[in-house]
Protein backbone atom coordinates (compact mmCIF):
# COMPACT_ATOMS: atom_id res chain seq x y z
CA UNK A 1 0.00 0.00 0.00
CA UNK A 2 2.12 2.84 -1.27
CA UNK A 3 5.44 2.82 0.61
CA UNK A 4 4.31 0.24 3.18
CA UNK A 5 4.05 -3.53 3.07
CA UNK A 6 0.95 -4.66 4.98
CA UNK A 7 0.06 -8.17 6.13
CA UNK A 8 -3.69 -8.70 5.93
CA UNK A 9 -5.59 -11.94 6.32
CA UNK A 10 -7.70 -12.69 3.24
CA UNK A 11 -9.54 -16.04 3.00
CA UNK A 12 -10.15 -15.57 -0.74
CA UNK A 13 -6.46 -15.15 -1.59
CA UNK A 14 -5.95 -18.71 -2.79
CA UNK A 15 -2.82 -18.08 -4.85
CA UNK A 16 0.78 -18.37 -3.68
CA UNK A 17 2.57 -15.17 -2.59
CA UNK A 18 4.66 -13.63 -5.37
CA UNK A 19 7.03 -11.85 -2.97
CA UNK A 20 9.72 -13.83 -1.14
CA UNK A 21 9.37 -14.38 2.61
CA UNK A 22 12.16 -11.86 3.21
CA UNK A 23 9.95 -9.09 1.77
CA UNK A 24 6.95 -10.03 3.94
CA UNK A 25 9.22 -9.86 6.98
CA UNK A 26 9.53 -6.13 6.23
CA UNK A 27 5.80 -5.62 6.84
CA UNK A 28 4.98 -2.77 9.20
CA UNK A 29 2.45 -4.85 11.13
CA UNK A 30 2.17 -8.26 12.76
CA UNK A 31 -0.96 -10.41 12.56
CA UNK A 32 -2.73 -12.49 15.16
CA UNK A 33 -2.61 -16.01 13.70
CA UNK A 34 -6.20 -16.78 14.75
CA UNK A 35 -8.05 -13.54 14.01
CA UNK A 36 -5.95 -12.10 11.19
CA UNK A 37 -5.97 -8.60 12.69
CA UNK A 38 -3.03 -6.37 13.60
CA UNK A 39 -1.64 -6.85 17.10
CA UNK A 40 0.75 -4.79 19.22
CA UNK A 41 2.59 -1.64 18.30
CA UNK A 42 1.22 1.86 17.75
CA UNK A 43 -1.02 3.40 15.13
CA UNK A 44 0.78 3.82 11.82
CA UNK A 45 -0.22 6.59 9.41
CA UNK A 46 1.09 7.44 5.97
CA UNK A 47 0.12 9.18 2.73
CA UNK A 48 -0.80 7.40 -0.50
CA UNK A 49 -0.44 9.35 -3.78
CA UNK A 50 -3.49 8.74 -5.97
CA UNK A 51 -3.14 10.49 -9.32
CA UNK A 52 -2.93 14.18 -8.30
CA UNK A 53 -4.49 13.54 -4.90
CA UNK A 54 -3.14 12.58 -1.48
CA UNK A 55 -4.98 10.00 0.65
CA UNK A 56 -4.40 9.27 4.34
CA UNK A 57 -3.98 5.59 5.19
CA UNK A 58 -3.89 4.39 8.77
CA UNK A 59 -3.28 1.04 10.46
CA UNK A 60 -4.39 0.48 14.04
CA UNK A 61 -4.04 -2.50 16.39
CA UNK A 62 -7.09 -4.75 16.29
CA UNK A 63 -7.93 -3.98 12.67
CA UNK A 64 -7.10 -5.39 9.25
CA UNK A 65 -8.19 -2.25 7.37
CA UNK A 66 -6.07 0.74 6.36
CA UNK A 67 -8.74 3.07 4.96
CA UNK A 68 -8.67 2.00 1.31
CA UNK A 69 -9.57 -1.02 -0.77
CA UNK A 70 -7.10 -0.97 -3.70
CA UNK A 71 -9.31 -3.23 -5.82
CA UNK A 72 -11.71 -0.27 -6.07
CA UNK A 73 -9.17 1.88 -7.98
CA UNK A 74 -10.68 1.09 -11.43
CA UNK A 75 -14.10 2.23 -10.14
CA UNK A 76 -12.63 5.50 -8.85
CA UNK A 77 -11.09 6.23 -12.26
CA UNK A 78 -14.32 5.21 -14.02
CA UNK A 79 -16.23 7.59 -11.76
CA UNK A 80 -14.00 10.52 -12.67
CA UNK A 81 -14.26 9.75 -16.38
CA UNK A 82 -18.06 9.69 -16.21
CA UNK A 83 -18.25 12.94 -14.27
CA UNK A 84 -15.88 14.80 -16.60
CA UNK A 85 -17.84 13.59 -19.64
CA UNK A 86 -21.10 15.10 -18.38
CA UNK A 87 -22.50 18.32 -19.83
CA UNK A 88 -23.50 19.45 -16.35
CA UNK A 89 -20.43 21.27 -14.94
CA UNK A 90 -21.36 20.29 -11.37
CA UNK A 91 -23.27 16.99 -11.37
CA UNK A 92 -24.60 15.80 -8.02
CA UNK A 93 -23.27 12.46 -6.76
CA UNK A 94 -24.57 10.54 -3.74
CA UNK A 95 -22.05 8.29 -2.00
CA UNK A 96 -23.78 5.91 0.41
CA UNK A 97 -21.70 3.98 2.95
CA UNK A 98 -18.93 6.42 2.01
CA UNK A 99 -16.31 5.07 4.46
CA UNK A 100 -13.07 7.13 4.32
CA UNK A 101 -14.28 9.13 1.35
CA UNK A 102 -11.82 8.27 -1.41
CA UNK A 103 -14.63 8.01 -3.97
CA UNK A 104 -16.09 11.28 -2.67
CA UNK A 105 -12.74 13.07 -2.98
CA UNK A 106 -12.20 11.63 -6.47
CA UNK A 107 -15.69 12.74 -7.52
CA UNK A 108 -15.19 16.23 -6.07
CA UNK A 109 -11.83 16.55 -7.80
CA UNK A 110 -13.55 15.73 -11.10
CA UNK A 111 -16.04 18.56 -10.58
CA UNK A 112 -19.01 16.92 -8.83
CA UNK A 113 -21.01 18.16 -5.87
CA UNK A 114 -21.02 15.21 -3.49
CA UNK A 115 -23.27 14.12 -0.65
CA UNK A 116 -21.28 11.67 1.46
CA UNK A 117 -23.28 9.47 3.85
CA UNK A 118 -21.85 7.20 6.54
CA UNK A 119 -23.11 6.09 9.95
CA UNK A 120 -19.62 6.01 11.49
CA UNK A 121 -18.25 9.21 13.02
CA UNK A 122 -14.58 8.03 12.82
CA UNK A 123 -15.01 7.16 9.13
CA UNK A 124 -16.65 10.52 8.45
CA UNK A 125 -13.82 12.37 10.20
CA UNK A 126 -11.29 10.36 8.18
CA UNK A 127 -13.11 11.27 4.97
CA UNK A 128 -13.01 14.97 5.91
CA UNK A 129 -9.27 14.63 6.51
CA UNK A 130 -8.80 13.12 3.05
CA UNK A 131 -10.64 16.05 1.48
CA UNK A 132 -8.69 18.62 3.49
CA UNK A 133 -5.41 17.07 2.34
CA UNK A 134 -6.18 18.21 -1.21
CA UNK A 135 -6.95 21.96 -1.05
CA UNK A 136 -5.62 22.64 -4.57
CA UNK A 137 -7.85 20.02 -6.17
CA UNK A 138 -11.00 20.09 -4.08
CA UNK A 139 -12.88 22.52 -1.86
CA UNK A 140 -14.71 21.80 1.36
CA UNK A 141 -17.93 23.23 -0.07
CA UNK A 142 -18.03 20.55 -2.78
CA UNK A 143 -18.83 17.78 -0.28
CA UNK A 144 -21.76 17.66 2.13
CA UNK A 145 -21.08 15.32 5.05
CA UNK A 146 -23.99 13.35 6.51
CA UNK A 147 -23.67 11.24 9.67
CA UNK A 148 -26.72 9.13 8.97
CA UNK A 149 -28.12 5.70 8.22
CA UNK A 150 -27.96 5.24 4.43
CA UNK A 151 -31.37 3.60 4.15
CA UNK A 152 -33.10 6.31 6.19
CA UNK A 153 -31.32 9.09 4.29
CA UNK A 154 -32.37 7.69 0.90
CA UNK A 155 -35.98 7.42 2.01
CA UNK A 156 -35.96 11.10 3.02
CA UNK A 157 -34.34 12.13 -0.27
CA UNK A 158 -37.05 10.27 -2.21
CA UNK A 159 -39.76 12.09 -0.26
CA UNK A 160 -38.01 15.42 -0.92
CA UNK A 161 -37.79 14.68 -4.64
CA UNK A 162 -34.01 15.15 -4.71
CA UNK A 163 -32.16 13.52 -7.60
CA UNK A 164 -28.52 12.73 -8.35
CA UNK A 165 -26.56 12.19 -11.53
CA UNK A 166 -25.07 9.08 -9.93
CA UNK A 167 -25.37 7.00 -6.78
CA UNK A 168 -22.51 4.98 -5.31
CA UNK A 169 -23.64 2.04 -3.21
CA UNK A 170 -21.11 -0.33 -1.64
CA UNK A 171 -22.37 -1.45 1.78
CA UNK A 172 -20.13 -3.33 4.21
CA UNK A 173 -21.14 -6.82 5.27
CA UNK A 174 -21.82 -5.60 8.83
CA UNK A 175 -22.23 -2.17 10.32
CA UNK A 176 -23.84 0.23 12.80
CA UNK A 177 -26.26 3.06 12.26
CA UNK A 178 -25.95 6.34 14.24
CA UNK A 179 -28.08 4.80 17.02
CA UNK A 180 -25.42 2.09 17.49
CA UNK A 181 -27.68 -0.64 16.11
CA UNK A 182 -25.43 -3.35 14.72
CA UNK A 183 -26.39 -5.89 12.07
CA UNK A 184 -25.99 -7.26 8.57
CA UNK A 185 -26.04 -4.69 5.79
CA UNK A 186 -24.94 -6.39 2.62
CA UNK A 187 -27.65 -9.05 2.82
CA UNK A 188 -30.20 -6.21 2.83
CA UNK A 189 -28.57 -4.18 0.06
CA UNK A 190 -30.83 -5.64 -2.64
CA UNK A 191 -33.78 -4.18 -0.76
CA UNK A 192 -32.13 -0.73 -0.79
CA UNK A 193 -31.78 -0.49 -4.58
CA UNK A 194 -35.46 0.12 -5.45
CA UNK A 195 -35.87 2.96 -2.88
CA UNK A 196 -32.68 4.60 -4.19
CA UNK A 197 -33.68 4.38 -7.85
CA UNK A 198 -36.01 7.44 -7.79
CA UNK A 199 -33.04 9.54 -6.62
CA UNK A 200 -30.96 8.62 -9.67
CA UNK A 201 -31.30 10.95 -12.63
CA UNK A 202 -29.79 8.30 -14.94
CA UNK A 203 -27.10 10.65 -16.25
CA UNK A 204 -24.60 8.15 -14.91
CA UNK A 205 -25.33 4.50 -14.10
CA UNK A 206 -25.91 3.90 -10.42
CA UNK A 207 -23.02 1.75 -9.19
CA UNK A 208 -22.84 -0.83 -6.46
């Protein structure tokens, strides 16, 4: 991940490692053999260059996540291409389950007005930090931050008649809403698509 080698447990990584064991010994974190999460040490933070943007990555004990899923990079680039190809100079984009905001920052950098929704205060603060790290490319006024349950927010937007040029929808498998209710999200995501459809202006395909 940028300048850092990270060990992260991944049950679906069936292939053999391409790097020699000596390289993996240089990893900045150590994993618990049973849980696959980082153990010991202090929080590690670093910057990842992403095109002309800077993104804050962070590794904390007890977690396997660093604030970015690199397999999403093609979607981020696709998002920017779609936004820049629009006739509307400031298309509205809704990012549900926005996490650390990389897609929101990428969309804002491409010229979109973004509504970023996440039920986690730490994730929302991290997303704000990512935006603030790029003052030459983005502006704080281009992103509206919403600490809210994605399903409830979409239902209100439908009632208000608000529409977006594109909707990003990538729910985690499990999560909490602002009232600290914890449960499965991804299994219910198919039920969230129909309510969100009226919000999509169809200028850009809604993505999940």
